[in-house]
């Protein structure tokens, strides 16, 4: 059974930074494309960034492009999301997702999910 566990969320002031981590167990991590999504209260879950299995391909949503960097460590079975210059509108629950296919942007297309980590950005 594949399990994804996010960590690193918290409360940060506007302009601050956070680094989210997602540890994956129970599967072949290096075979998965990984992604970060976020869901603000009352809104849909939307993609933030994605990375293919060997880090050669990355995708960033316009909403956070230039302020986030996705990376992965296949030896540690972990994917990261470095976020800088955070804004109050970035407040959301951030989810890690995995699938065998890269290039998926809709949440319903991803097979495996973590439970999320709350990011709150104060003004």
PDB file of N, CA and C in Angstrom:
ATOM      1  N   UNK A   1       0.843  -1.193   0.000  1.00  0.00           N
ATOM      2  CA  UNK A   1       0.000   0.000   0.000  1.00  0.00           C
ATOM      3  C   UNK A   1       0.877   1.242   0.000  1.00  0.00           C
ATOM      4  N   UNK A   2       0.623   2.107  -0.938  1.00  0.00           N
ATOM      5  CA  UNK A   2       1.406   3.324  -1.063  1.00  0.00           C
ATOM      6  C   UNK A   2       0.886   4.364  -0.081  1.00  0.00           C
ATOM      7  N   UNK A   3       1.791   4.948   0.675  1.00  0.00           N
ATOM      8  CA  UNK A   3       1.425   5.988   1.624  1.00  0.00           C
ATOM      9  C   UNK A   3       2.255   7.230   1.375  1.00  0.00           C
ATOM     10  N   UNK A   4       1.593   8.385   1.429  1.00  0.00           N
ATOM     11  CA  UNK A   4       2.242   9.669   1.261  1.00  0.00           C
ATOM     12  C   UNK A   4       1.986  10.483   2.526  1.00  0.00           C
ATOM     13  N   UNK A   5       3.034  11.030   3.097  1.00  0.00           N
ATOM     14  CA  UNK A   5       2.893  11.811   4.319  1.00  0.00           C
ATOM     15  C   UNK A   5       3.588  13.151   4.136  1.00  0.00           C
ATOM     16  N   UNK A   6       2.776  14.208   4.170  1.00  0.00           N
ATOM     17  CA  UNK A   6       3.302  15.557   4.033  1.00  0.00           C
ATOM     18  C   UNK A   6       3.736  16.117   5.381  1.00  0.00           C
ATOM     19  N   UNK A   7       4.681  17.027   5.335  1.00  0.00           N
ATOM     20  CA  UNK A   7       5.118  17.747   6.528  1.00  0.00           C
ATOM     21  C   UNK A   7       5.697  19.083   6.101  1.00  0.00           C
ATOM     22  N   UNK A   8       5.889  19.953   7.080  1.00  0.00           N
ATOM     23  CA  UNK A   8       6.535  21.228   6.813  1.00  0.00           C
ATOM     24  C   UNK A   8       5.618  22.425   6.743  1.00  0.00           C
ATOM     25  N   UNK A   9       4.312  22.185   6.824  1.00  0.00           N
ATOM     26  CA  UNK A   9       3.396  23.314   6.815  1.00  0.00           C
ATOM     27  C   UNK A   9       3.452  24.082   8.118  1.00  0.00           C
ATOM     28  N   UNK A  10       2.738  25.193   8.141  1.00  0.00           N
ATOM     29  CA  UNK A  10       2.697  25.985   9.359  1.00  0.00           C
ATOM     30  C   UNK A  10       2.226  27.393   9.085  1.00  0.00           C
ATOM     31  N   UNK A  11       2.429  28.243  10.076  1.00  0.00           N
ATOM     32  CA  UNK A  11       2.052  29.650   9.998  1.00  0.00           C
ATOM     33  C   UNK A  11       3.289  30.476   9.670  1.00  0.00           C
ATOM     34  N   UNK A  12       3.169  31.309   8.660  1.00  0.00           N
ATOM     35  CA  UNK A  12       4.290  32.146   8.241  1.00  0.00           C
ATOM     36  C   UNK A  12       3.766  33.518   7.854  1.00  0.00           C
ATOM     37  N   UNK A  13       4.574  34.518   8.034  1.00  0.00           N
ATOM     38  CA  UNK A  13       4.181  35.872   7.647  1.00  0.00           C
ATOM     39  C   UNK A  13       4.337  36.051   6.139  1.00  0.00           C
ATOM     40  N   UNK A  14       3.572  36.967   5.614  1.00  0.00           N
ATOM     41  CA  UNK A  14       3.690  37.291   4.191  1.00  0.00           C
ATOM     42  C   UNK A  14       5.141  37.651   3.870  1.00  0.00           C
ATOM     43  N   UNK A  15       5.599  37.115   2.743  1.00  0.00           N
ATOM     44  CA  UNK A  15       6.986  37.309   2.359  1.00  0.00           C
ATOM     45  C   UNK A  15       7.919  36.224   2.836  1.00  0.00           C
ATOM     46  N   UNK A  16       7.408  35.371   3.702  1.00  0.00           N
ATOM     47  CA  UNK A  16       8.227  34.304   4.252  1.00  0.00           C
ATOM     48  C   UNK A  16       8.321  33.097   3.342  1.00  0.00           C
ATOM     49  N   UNK A  17       8.998  32.084   3.853  1.00  0.00           N
ATOM     50  CA  UNK A  17       9.263  30.866   3.080  1.00  0.00           C
ATOM     51  C   UNK A  17       8.908  29.632   3.888  1.00  0.00           C
ATOM     52  N   UNK A  18       8.593  28.582   3.163  1.00  0.00           N
ATOM     53  CA  UNK A  18       8.372  27.275   3.764  1.00  0.00           C
ATOM     54  C   UNK A  18       8.875  26.213   2.805  1.00  0.00           C
ATOM     55  N   UNK A  19       9.305  25.101   3.375  1.00  0.00           N
ATOM     56  CA  UNK A  19       9.677  23.955   2.567  1.00  0.00           C
ATOM     57  C   UNK A  19       8.823  22.773   2.998  1.00  0.00           C
ATOM     58  N   UNK A  20       7.992  22.319   2.089  1.00  0.00           N
ATOM     59  CA  UNK A  20       7.149  21.156   2.349  1.00  0.00           C
ATOM     60  C   UNK A  20       7.872  19.893   1.895  1.00  0.00           C
ATOM     61  N   UNK A  21       7.638  18.831   2.636  1.00  0.00           N
ATOM     62  CA  UNK A  21       8.181  17.526   2.283  1.00  0.00           C
ATOM     63  C   UNK A  21       7.056  16.517   2.180  1.00  0.00           C
ATOM     64  N   UNK A  22       7.270  15.526   1.357  1.00  0.00           N
ATOM     65  CA  UNK A  22       6.306  14.432   1.227  1.00  0.00           C
ATOM     66  C   UNK A  22       7.094  13.129   1.151  1.00  0.00           C
ATOM     67  N   UNK A  23       6.965  12.332   2.175  1.00  0.00           N
ATOM     68  CA  UNK A  23       7.650  11.046   2.220  1.00  0.00           C
ATOM     69  C   UNK A  23       6.722   9.959   1.704  1.00  0.00           C
ATOM     70  N   UNK A  24       7.237   9.143   0.817  1.00  0.00           N
ATOM     71  CA  UNK A  24       6.441   8.094   0.173  1.00  0.00           C
ATOM     72  C   UNK A  24       6.964   6.728   0.587  1.00  0.00           C
ATOM     73  N   UNK A  25       6.054   5.855   0.945  1.00  0.00           N
ATOM     74  CA  UNK A  25       6.433   4.498   1.320  1.00  0.00           C
ATOM     75  C   UNK A  25       5.473   3.505   0.698  1.00  0.00           C
ATOM     76  N   UNK A  26       5.914   2.269   0.627  1.00  0.00           N
ATOM     77  CA  UNK A  26       5.036   1.204   0.158  1.00  0.00           C
ATOM     78  C   UNK A  26       4.956   1.048  -1.339  1.00  0.00           C
ATOM     79  N   UNK A  27       5.740   1.803  -2.077  1.00  0.00           N
ATOM     80  CA  UNK A  27       5.695   1.668  -3.528  1.00  0.00           C
ATOM     81  C   UNK A  27       7.049   1.951  -4.138  1.00  0.00           C
ATOM     82  N   UNK A  28       7.110   1.966  -5.447  1.00  0.00           N
ATOM     83  CA  UNK A  28       8.348   2.243  -6.157  1.00  0.00           C
ATOM     84  C   UNK A  28       8.420   3.731  -6.467  1.00  0.00           C
ATOM     85  N   UNK A  29       8.930   4.478  -5.513  1.00  0.00           N
ATOM     86  CA  UNK A  29       8.906   5.946  -5.614  1.00  0.00           C
ATOM     87  C   UNK A  29       9.512   6.443  -6.912  1.00  0.00           C
ATOM     88  N   UNK A  30      10.609   5.863  -7.320  1.00  0.00           N
ATOM     89  CA  UNK A  30      11.299   6.367  -8.505  1.00  0.00           C
ATOM     90  C   UNK A  30      10.492   6.159  -9.784  1.00  0.00           C
ATOM     91  N   UNK A  31       9.425   5.375  -9.719  1.00  0.00           N
ATOM     92  CA  UNK A  31       8.584   5.158 -10.895  1.00  0.00           C
ATOM     93  C   UNK A  31       7.437   6.159 -10.982  1.00  0.00           C
ATOM     94  N   UNK A  32       7.246   6.934  -9.939  1.00  0.00           N
ATOM     95  CA  UNK A  32       6.095   7.832  -9.899  1.00  0.00           C
ATOM     96  C   UNK A  32       6.441   9.248 -10.341  1.00  0.00           C
ATOM     97  N   UNK A  33       5.506   9.842 -11.069  1.00  0.00           N
ATOM     98  CA  UNK A  33       5.493  11.285 -11.192  1.00  0.00           C
ATOM     99  C   UNK A  33       4.842  11.814  -9.921  1.00  0.00           C
ATOM    100  N   UNK A  34       5.346  12.931  -9.443  1.00  0.00           N
ATOM    101  CA  UNK A  34       4.852  13.499  -8.196  1.00  0.00           C
ATOM    102  C   UNK A  34       4.325  14.907  -8.426  1.00  0.00           C
ATOM    103  N   UNK A  35       3.398  15.305  -7.596  1.00  0.00           N
ATOM    104  CA  UNK A  35       2.823  16.641  -7.737  1.00  0.00           C
ATOM    105  C   UNK A  35       2.414  17.188  -6.384  1.00  0.00           C
ATOM    106  N   UNK A  36       2.333  18.490  -6.329  1.00  0.00           N
ATOM    107  CA  UNK A  36       1.765  19.200  -5.185  1.00  0.00           C
ATOM    108  C   UNK A  36       0.509  19.916  -5.659  1.00  0.00           C
ATOM    109  N   UNK A  37      -0.533  19.765  -4.874  1.00  0.00           N
ATOM    110  CA  UNK A  37      -1.785  20.481  -5.084  1.00  0.00           C
ATOM    111  C   UNK A  37      -2.057  21.327  -3.845  1.00  0.00           C
ATOM    112  N   UNK A  38      -2.984  22.244  -3.985  1.00  0.00           N
ATOM    113  CA  UNK A  38      -3.440  22.984  -2.821  1.00  0.00           C
ATOM    114  C   UNK A  38      -4.936  23.209  -2.926  1.00  0.00           C
ATOM    115  N   UNK A  39      -5.532  23.333  -1.759  1.00  0.00           N
ATOM    116  CA  UNK A  39      -6.972  23.563  -1.694  1.00  0.00           C
ATOM    117  C   UNK A  39      -7.259  24.584  -0.611  1.00  0.00           C
ATOM    118  N   UNK A  40      -7.755  25.729  -1.034  1.00  0.00           N
ATOM    119  CA  UNK A  40      -8.158  26.771  -0.106  1.00  0.00           C
ATOM    120  C   UNK A  40      -9.609  26.519   0.307  1.00  0.00           C
ATOM    121  N   UNK A  41     -10.026  27.059   1.435  1.00  0.00           N
ATOM    122  CA  UNK A  41     -11.402  26.845   1.895  1.00  0.00           C
ATOM    123  C   UNK A  41     -12.424  27.265   0.849  1.00  0.00           C
ATOM    124  N   UNK A  42     -13.331  26.357   0.537  1.00  0.00           N
ATOM    125  CA  UNK A  42     -14.395  26.653  -0.407  1.00  0.00           C
ATOM    126  C   UNK A  42     -13.988  26.621  -1.863  1.00  0.00           C
ATOM    127  N   UNK A  43     -12.768  26.209  -2.125  1.00  0.00           N
ATOM    128  CA  UNK A  43     -12.282  26.194  -3.508  1.00  0.00           C
ATOM    129  C   UNK A  43     -11.865  24.784  -3.921  1.00  0.00           C
ATOM    130  N   UNK A  44     -11.694  24.608  -5.210  1.00  0.00           N
ATOM    131  CA  UNK A  44     -11.264  23.317  -5.737  1.00  0.00           C
ATOM    132  C   UNK A  44      -9.796  23.056  -5.413  1.00  0.00           C
ATOM    133  N   UNK A  45      -9.437  21.791  -5.454  1.00  0.00           N
ATOM    134  CA  UNK A  45      -8.046  21.408  -5.305  1.00  0.00           C
ATOM    135  C   UNK A  45      -7.351  21.630  -6.644  1.00  0.00           C
ATOM    136  N   UNK A  46      -6.293  22.408  -6.648  1.00  0.00           N
ATOM    137  CA  UNK A  46      -5.615  22.769  -7.887  1.00  0.00           C
ATOM    138  C   UNK A  46      -4.138  22.431  -7.819  1.00  0.00           C
ATOM    139  N   UNK A  47      -3.571  22.166  -8.953  1.00  0.00           N
ATOM    140  CA  UNK A  47      -2.171  21.788  -9.003  1.00  0.00           C
ATOM    141  C   UNK A  47      -1.285  23.015  -8.791  1.00  0.00           C
ATOM    142  N   UNK A  48      -0.186  22.790  -8.100  1.00  0.00           N
ATOM    143  CA  UNK A  48       0.814  23.828  -7.882  1.00  0.00           C
ATOM    144  C   UNK A  48       2.057  23.526  -8.717  1.00  0.00           C
ATOM    145  N   UNK A  49       2.508  22.271  -8.656  1.00  0.00           N
ATOM    146  CA  UNK A  49       3.716  21.883  -9.366  1.00  0.00           C
ATOM    147  C   UNK A  49       3.745  20.379  -9.543  1.00  0.00           C
ATOM    148  N   UNK A  50       4.518  19.935 -10.533  1.00  0.00           N
ATOM    149  CA  UNK A  50       4.672  18.507 -10.781  1.00  0.00           C
ATOM    150  C   UNK A  50       6.090  18.234 -11.254  1.00  0.00           C
ATOM    151  N   UNK A  51       6.520  16.986 -11.054  1.00  0.00           N
ATOM    152  CA  UNK A  51       7.870  16.596 -11.445  1.00  0.00           C
ATOM    153  C   UNK A  51       7.835  15.154 -11.922  1.00  0.00           C
ATOM    154  N   UNK A  52       8.601  14.873 -12.960  1.00  0.00           N
ATOM    155  CA  UNK A  52       8.580  13.503 -13.454  1.00  0.00           C
ATOM    156  C   UNK A  52       9.550  12.641 -12.652  1.00  0.00           C
ATOM    157  N   UNK A  53       9.672  11.379 -13.023  1.00  0.00           N
ATOM    158  CA  UNK A  53      10.365  10.416 -12.170  1.00  0.00           C
ATOM    159  C   UNK A  53      11.847  10.718 -11.966  1.00  0.00           C
ATOM    160  N   UNK A  54      12.487  11.307 -12.976  1.00  0.00           N
ATOM    161  CA  UNK A  54      13.938  11.541 -12.871  1.00  0.00           C
ATOM    162  C   UNK A  54      14.283  13.019 -12.794  1.00  0.00           C
ATOM    163  N   UNK A  55      13.292  13.842 -12.504  1.00  0.00           N
ATOM    164  CA  UNK A  55      13.469  15.286 -12.300  1.00  0.00           C
ATOM    165  C   UNK A  55      13.807  16.051 -13.566  1.00  0.00           C
ATOM    166  N   UNK A  56      13.724  15.407 -14.707  1.00  0.00           N
ATOM    167  CA  UNK A  56      14.054  16.115 -15.954  1.00  0.00           C
ATOM    168  C   UNK A  56      12.929  17.038 -16.397  1.00  0.00           C
ATOM    169  N   UNK A  57      11.729  16.741 -15.954  1.00  0.00           N
ATOM    170  CA  UNK A  57      10.581  17.538 -16.367  1.00  0.00           C
ATOM    171  C   UNK A  57       9.884  18.102 -15.135  1.00  0.00           C
ATOM    172  N   UNK A  58       9.571  19.377 -15.185  1.00  0.00           N
ATOM    173  CA  UNK A  58       8.804  20.012 -14.113  1.00  0.00           C
ATOM    174  C   UNK A  58       7.730  20.906 -14.716  1.00  0.00           C
ATOM    175  N   UNK A  59       6.698  21.079 -13.927  1.00  0.00           N
ATOM    176  CA  UNK A  59       5.583  21.936 -14.324  1.00  0.00           C
ATOM    177  C   UNK A  59       5.221  22.824 -13.137  1.00  0.00           C
ATOM    178  N   UNK A  60       4.901  24.080 -13.429  1.00  0.00           N
ATOM    179  CA  UNK A  60       4.470  25.004 -12.390  1.00  0.00           C
ATOM    180  C   UNK A  60       3.220  25.726 -12.843  1.00  0.00           C
ATOM    181  N   UNK A  61       2.252  25.774 -11.964  1.00  0.00           N
ATOM    182  CA  UNK A  61       1.046  26.535 -12.250  1.00  0.00           C
ATOM    183  C   UNK A  61       1.367  28.028 -12.209  1.00  0.00           C
ATOM    184  N   UNK A  62       0.655  28.774 -13.002  1.00  0.00           N
ATOM    185  CA  UNK A  62       0.905  30.213 -13.087  1.00  0.00           C
ATOM    186  C   UNK A  62       0.760  30.899 -11.735  1.00  0.00           C
ATOM    187  N   UNK A  63      -0.120  30.375 -10.901  1.00  0.00           N
ATOM    188  CA  UNK A  63      -0.419  31.033  -9.628  1.00  0.00           C
ATOM    189  C   UNK A  63       0.802  31.151  -8.728  1.00  0.00           C
ATOM    190  N   UNK A  64       1.738  30.218  -8.845  1.00  0.00           N
ATOM    191  CA  UNK A  64       2.903  30.251  -7.964  1.00  0.00           C
ATOM    192  C   UNK A  64       4.231  30.190  -8.719  1.00  0.00           C
ATOM    193  N   UNK A  65       4.168  30.275 -10.033  1.00  0.00           N
ATOM    194  CA  UNK A  65       5.384  30.193 -10.835  1.00  0.00           C
ATOM    195  C   UNK A  65       6.365  31.291 -10.437  1.00  0.00           C
ATOM    196  N   UNK A  66       7.610  30.913 -10.262  1.00  0.00           N
ATOM    197  CA  UNK A  66       8.635  31.861  -9.851  1.00  0.00           C
ATOM    198  C   UNK A  66       8.794  31.959  -8.348  1.00  0.00           C
ATOM    199  N   UNK A  67       7.839  31.387  -7.619  1.00  0.00           N
ATOM    200  CA  UNK A  67       7.897  31.435  -6.164  1.00  0.00           C
ATOM    201  C   UNK A  67       8.006  30.041  -5.541  1.00  0.00           C
ATOM    202  N   UNK A  68       7.884  29.010  -6.363  1.00  0.00           N
ATOM    203  CA  UNK A  68       7.992  27.650  -5.842  1.00  0.00           C
ATOM    204  C   UNK A  68       8.963  26.833  -6.686  1.00  0.00           C
ATOM    205  N   UNK A  69       9.571  25.867  -6.040  1.00  0.00           N
ATOM    206  CA  UNK A  69      10.451  24.928  -6.719  1.00  0.00           C
ATOM    207  C   UNK A  69      10.132  23.527  -6.226  1.00  0.00           C
ATOM    208  N   UNK A  70       9.839  22.643  -7.155  1.00  0.00           N
ATOM    209  CA  UNK A  70       9.591  21.248  -6.799  1.00  0.00           C
ATOM    210  C   UNK A  70      10.860  20.452  -7.056  1.00  0.00           C
ATOM    211  N   UNK A  71      11.158  19.535  -6.177  1.00  0.00           N
ATOM    212  CA  UNK A  71      12.335  18.686  -6.341  1.00  0.00           C
ATOM    213  C   UNK A  71      12.051  17.346  -5.690  1.00  0.00           C
ATOM    214  N   UNK A  72      12.890  16.382  -5.985  1.00  0.00           N
ATOM    215  CA  UNK A  72      12.706  15.056  -5.398  1.00  0.00           C
ATOM    216  C   UNK A  72      14.053  14.408  -5.153  1.00  0.00           C
ATOM    217  N   UNK A  73      14.044  13.511  -4.188  1.00  0.00           N
ATOM    218  CA  UNK A  73      15.223  12.723  -3.866  1.00  0.00           C
ATOM    219  C   UNK A  73      14.796  11.261  -3.914  1.00  0.00           C
ATOM    220  N   UNK A  74      15.139  10.593  -4.996  1.00  0.00           N
ATOM    221  CA  UNK A  74      14.683   9.212  -5.154  1.00  0.00           C
ATOM    222  C   UNK A  74      15.355   8.255  -4.165  1.00  0.00           C
ATOM    223  N   UNK A  75      16.506   8.640  -3.673  1.00  0.00           N
ATOM    224  CA  UNK A  75      17.159   7.803  -2.659  1.00  0.00           C
ATOM    225  C   UNK A  75      16.445   7.888  -1.322  1.00  0.00           C
ATOM    226  N   UNK A  76      15.783   9.020  -1.087  1.00  0.00           N
ATOM    227  CA  UNK A  76      15.075   9.238   0.174  1.00  0.00           C
ATOM    228  C   UNK A  76      13.571   9.074   0.036  1.00  0.00           C
ATOM    229  N   UNK A  77      13.106   8.745  -1.174  1.00  0.00           N
ATOM    230  CA  UNK A  77      11.666   8.573  -1.413  1.00  0.00           C
ATOM    231  C   UNK A  77      10.865   9.800  -0.972  1.00  0.00           C
ATOM    232  N   UNK A  78      11.394  10.961  -1.292  1.00  0.00           N
ATOM    233  CA  UNK A  78      10.797  12.196  -0.812  1.00  0.00           C
ATOM    234  C   UNK A  78      10.718  13.229  -1.933  1.00  0.00           C
ATOM    235  N   UNK A  79       9.625  13.957  -1.955  1.00  0.00           N
ATOM    236  CA  UNK A  79       9.478  15.085  -2.864  1.00  0.00           C
ATOM    237  C   UNK A  79       9.298  16.344  -2.018  1.00  0.00           C
ATOM    238  N   UNK A  80       9.820  17.441  -2.531  1.00  0.00           N
ATOM    239  CA  UNK A  80       9.824  18.695  -1.788  1.00  0.00           C
ATOM    240  C   UNK A  80       9.127  19.796  -2.584  1.00  0.00           C
ATOM    241  N   UNK A  81       8.637  20.780  -1.846  1.00  0.00           N
ATOM    242  CA  UNK A  81       8.130  21.994  -2.457  1.00  0.00           C
ATOM    243  C   UNK A  81       8.683  23.172  -1.662  1.00  0.00           C
ATOM    244  N   UNK A  82       9.624  23.860  -2.263  1.00  0.00           N
ATOM    245  CA  UNK A  82      10.175  25.069  -1.643  1.00  0.00           C
ATOM    246  C   UNK A  82       9.341  26.256  -2.082  1.00  0.00           C
ATOM    247  N   UNK A  83       8.827  26.990  -1.114  1.00  0.00           N
ATOM    248  CA  UNK A  83       7.973  28.139  -1.405  1.00  0.00           C
ATOM    249  C   UNK A  83       8.591  29.385  -0.803  1.00  0.00           C
ATOM    250  N   UNK A  84       8.671  30.440  -1.583  1.00  0.00           N
ATOM    251  CA  UNK A  84       9.217  31.708  -1.118  1.00  0.00           C
ATOM    252  C   UNK A  84       8.242  32.828  -1.437  1.00  0.00           C
ATOM    253  N   UNK A  85       8.485  33.983  -0.839  1.00  0.00           N
ATOM    254  CA  UNK A  85       7.640  35.170  -1.077  1.00  0.00           C
ATOM    255  C   UNK A  85       6.167  34.827  -0.932  1.00  0.00           C
ATOM    256  N   UNK A  86       5.838  34.149   0.131  1.00  0.00           N
ATOM    257  CA  UNK A  86       4.469  33.691   0.317  1.00  0.00           C
ATOM    258  C   UNK A  86       3.510  34.856   0.541  1.00  0.00           C
ATOM    259  N   UNK A  87       2.295  34.669   0.054  1.00  0.00           N
ATOM    260  CA  UNK A  87       1.248  35.675   0.143  1.00  0.00           C
ATOM    261  C   UNK A  87       0.072  35.107   0.930  1.00  0.00           C
ATOM    262  N   UNK A  88      -0.742  35.970   1.508  1.00  0.00           N
ATOM    263  CA  UNK A  88      -1.923  35.463   2.232  1.00  0.00           C
ATOM    264  C   UNK A  88      -2.809  34.578   1.356  1.00  0.00           C
ATOM    265  N   UNK A  89      -2.879  34.865   0.081  1.00  0.00           N
ATOM    266  CA  UNK A  89      -3.709  34.050  -0.816  1.00  0.00           C
ATOM    267  C   UNK A  89      -3.123  32.664  -1.079  1.00  0.00           C
ATOM    268  N   UNK A  90      -1.927  32.412  -0.588  1.00  0.00           N
ATOM    269  CA  UNK A  90      -1.352  31.069  -0.682  1.00  0.00           C
ATOM    270  C   UNK A  90      -1.839  30.168   0.453  1.00  0.00           C
ATOM    271  N   UNK A  91      -2.590  30.733   1.373  1.00  0.00           N
ATOM    272  CA  UNK A  91      -3.123  29.946   2.482  1.00  0.00           C
ATOM    273  C   UNK A  91      -4.023  28.835   1.956  1.00  0.00           C
ATOM    274  N   UNK A  92      -3.694  27.608   2.323  1.00  0.00           N
ATOM    275  CA  UNK A  92      -4.425  26.446   1.818  1.00  0.00           C
ATOM    276  C   UNK A  92      -3.877  25.197   2.496  1.00  0.00           C
ATOM    277  N   UNK A  93      -4.574  24.101   2.290  1.00  0.00           N
ATOM    278  CA  UNK A  93      -4.012  22.797   2.620  1.00  0.00           C
ATOM    279  C   UNK A  93      -3.255  22.326   1.374  1.00  0.00           C
ATOM    280  N   UNK A  94      -2.023  21.937   1.577  1.00  0.00           N
ATOM    281  CA  UNK A  94      -1.180  21.489   0.470  1.00  0.00           C
ATOM    282  C   UNK A  94      -1.073  19.963   0.505  1.00  0.00           C
ATOM    283  N   UNK A  95      -1.365  19.374  -0.641  1.00  0.00           N
ATOM    284  CA  UNK A  95      -1.389  17.921  -0.763  1.00  0.00           C
ATOM    285  C   UNK A  95      -0.305  17.435  -1.718  1.00  0.00           C
ATOM    286  N   UNK A  96       0.230  16.301  -1.392  1.00  0.00           N
ATOM    287  CA  UNK A  96       1.168  15.602  -2.240  1.00  0.00           C
ATOM    288  C   UNK A  96       0.402  14.490  -2.976  1.00  0.00           C
ATOM    289  N   UNK A  97       0.731  14.292  -4.245  1.00  0.00           N
ATOM    290  CA  UNK A  97       0.059  13.270  -5.037  1.00  0.00           C
ATOM    291  C   UNK A  97       1.062  12.533  -5.906  1.00  0.00           C
ATOM    292  N   UNK A  98       0.730  11.287  -6.235  1.00  0.00           N
ATOM    293  CA  UNK A  98       1.615  10.458  -7.054  1.00  0.00           C
ATOM    294  C   UNK A  98       0.817   9.703  -8.098  1.00  0.00           C
ATOM    295  N   UNK A  99       1.454   9.492  -9.215  1.00  0.00           N
ATOM    296  CA  UNK A  99       0.860   8.670 -10.267  1.00  0.00           C
ATOM    297  C   UNK A  99       1.978   8.167 -11.181  1.00  0.00           C
ATOM    298  N   UNK A 100       1.672   7.130 -11.911  1.00  0.00           N
ATOM    299  CA  UNK A 100       2.677   6.598 -12.829  1.00  0.00           C
ATOM    300  C   UNK A 100       2.877   7.495 -14.050  1.00  0.00           C
ATOM    301  N   UNK A 101       1.894   8.333 -14.346  1.00  0.00           N
ATOM    302  CA  UNK A 101       1.969   9.194 -15.518  1.00  0.00           C
ATOM    303  C   UNK A 101       2.386  10.601 -15.125  1.00  0.00           C
ATOM    304  N   UNK A 102       3.212  11.205 -15.936  1.00  0.00           N
ATOM    305  CA  UNK A 102       3.564  12.613 -15.783  1.00  0.00           C
ATOM    306  C   UNK A 102       2.689  13.439 -16.725  1.00  0.00           C
ATOM    307  N   UNK A 103       2.477  14.665 -16.349  1.00  0.00           N
ATOM    308  CA  UNK A 103       1.724  15.570 -17.212  1.00  0.00           C
ATOM    309  C   UNK A 103       0.268  15.714 -16.842  1.00  0.00           C
ATOM    310  N   UNK A 104      -0.110  15.112 -15.713  1.00  0.00           N
ATOM    311  CA  UNK A 104      -1.489  15.206 -15.256  1.00  0.00           C
ATOM    312  C   UNK A 104      -1.651  16.473 -14.436  1.00  0.00           C
ATOM    313  N   UNK A 105      -2.724  17.200 -14.706  1.00  0.00           N
ATOM    314  CA  UNK A 105      -2.939  18.450 -13.976  1.00  0.00           C
ATOM    315  C   UNK A 105      -4.231  18.459 -13.182  1.00  0.00           C
ATOM    316  N   UNK A 106      -5.067  17.467 -13.375  1.00  0.00           N
ATOM    317  CA  UNK A 106      -6.330  17.404 -12.648  1.00  0.00           C
ATOM    318  C   UNK A 106      -6.211  16.466 -11.462  1.00  0.00           C
ATOM    319  N   UNK A 107      -6.755  16.888 -10.347  1.00  0.00           N
ATOM    320  CA  UNK A 107      -6.621  16.084  -9.135  1.00  0.00           C
ATOM    321  C   UNK A 107      -7.220  14.696  -9.300  1.00  0.00           C
ATOM    322  N   UNK A 108      -8.282  14.593 -10.066  1.00  0.00           N
ATOM    323  CA  UNK A 108      -8.946  13.292 -10.195  1.00  0.00           C
ATOM    324  C   UNK A 108      -8.112  12.284 -10.972  1.00  0.00           C
ATOM    325  N   UNK A 109      -7.062  12.737 -11.621  1.00  0.00           N
ATOM    326  CA  UNK A 109      -6.215  11.838 -12.405  1.00  0.00           C
ATOM    327  C   UNK A 109      -5.123  11.170 -11.575  1.00  0.00           C
ATOM    328  N   UNK A 110      -4.891  11.675 -10.368  1.00  0.00           N
ATOM    329  CA  UNK A 110      -3.813  11.127  -9.550  1.00  0.00           C
ATOM    330  C   UNK A 110      -4.309   9.965  -8.708  1.00  0.00           C
ATOM    331  N   UNK A 111      -3.472   8.955  -8.587  1.00  0.00           N
ATOM    332  CA  UNK A 111      -3.864   7.722  -7.920  1.00  0.00           C
ATOM    333  C   UNK A 111      -3.669   7.764  -6.410  1.00  0.00           C
ATOM    334  N   UNK A 112      -2.552   8.319  -5.984  1.00  0.00           N
ATOM    335  CA  UNK A 112      -2.203   8.273  -4.566  1.00  0.00           C
ATOM    336  C   UNK A 112      -2.125   9.686  -3.992  1.00  0.00           C
ATOM    337  N   UNK A 113      -2.596   9.801  -2.741  1.00  0.00           N
ATOM    338  CA  UNK A 113      -2.667  11.109  -2.090  1.00  0.00           C
ATOM    339  C   UNK A 113      -2.220  11.044  -0.652  1.00  0.00           C
ATOM    340  N   UNK A 114      -1.627  12.133  -0.213  1.00  0.00           N
ATOM    341  CA  UNK A 114      -1.403  12.311   1.203  1.00  0.00           C
ATOM    342  C   UNK A 114      -2.599  12.998   1.839  1.00  0.00           C
ATOM    343  N   UNK A 115      -2.499  13.209   3.146  1.00  0.00           N
ATOM    344  CA  UNK A 115      -3.614  13.828   3.863  1.00  0.00           C
ATOM    345  C   UNK A 115      -3.515  15.345   3.903  1.00  0.00           C
ATOM    346  N   UNK A 116      -2.406  15.871   3.505  1.00  0.00           N
ATOM    347  CA  UNK A 116      -2.272  17.306   3.424  1.00  0.00           C
ATOM    348  C   UNK A 116      -1.578  17.929   4.621  1.00  0.00           C
ATOM    349  N   UNK A 117      -1.040  19.113   4.386  1.00  0.00           N
ATOM    350  CA  UNK A 117      -0.437  19.908   5.449  1.00  0.00           C
ATOM    351  C   UNK A 117      -0.909  21.351   5.287  1.00  0.00           C
ATOM    352  N   UNK A 118      -1.300  21.958   6.390  1.00  0.00           N
ATOM    353  CA  UNK A 118      -1.865  23.315   6.354  1.00  0.00           C
ATOM    354  C   UNK A 118      -0.750  24.346   6.247  1.00  0.00           C
ATOM    355  N   UNK A 119      -0.923  25.249   5.315  1.00  0.00           N
ATOM    356  CA  UNK A 119      -0.054  26.417   5.196  1.00  0.00           C
ATOM    357  C   UNK A 119      -0.915  27.653   5.391  1.00  0.00           C
ATOM    358  N   UNK A 120      -0.551  28.468   6.349  1.00  0.00           N
ATOM    359  CA  UNK A 120      -1.279  29.695   6.634  1.00  0.00           C
ATOM    360  C   UNK A 120      -0.310  30.864   6.553  1.00  0.00           C
ATOM    361  N   UNK A 121      -0.654  31.825   5.709  1.00  0.00           N
ATOM    362  CA  UNK A 121       0.202  32.992   5.516  1.00  0.00           C
ATOM    363  C   UNK A 121      -0.533  34.214   6.060  1.00  0.00           C
ATOM    364  N   UNK A 122       0.043  34.832   7.040  1.00  0.00           N
ATOM    365  CA  UNK A 122      -0.588  36.006   7.668  1.00  0.00           C
ATOM    366  C   UNK A 122      -0.087  37.284   7.000  1.00  0.00           C
ATOM    367  N   UNK A 123      -0.972  38.263   6.990  1.00  0.00           N
ATOM    368  CA  UNK A 123      -0.621  39.541   6.346  1.00  0.00           C
ATOM    369  C   UNK A 123       0.047  40.489   7.323  1.00  0.00           C
TER     370      UNK A 123
END
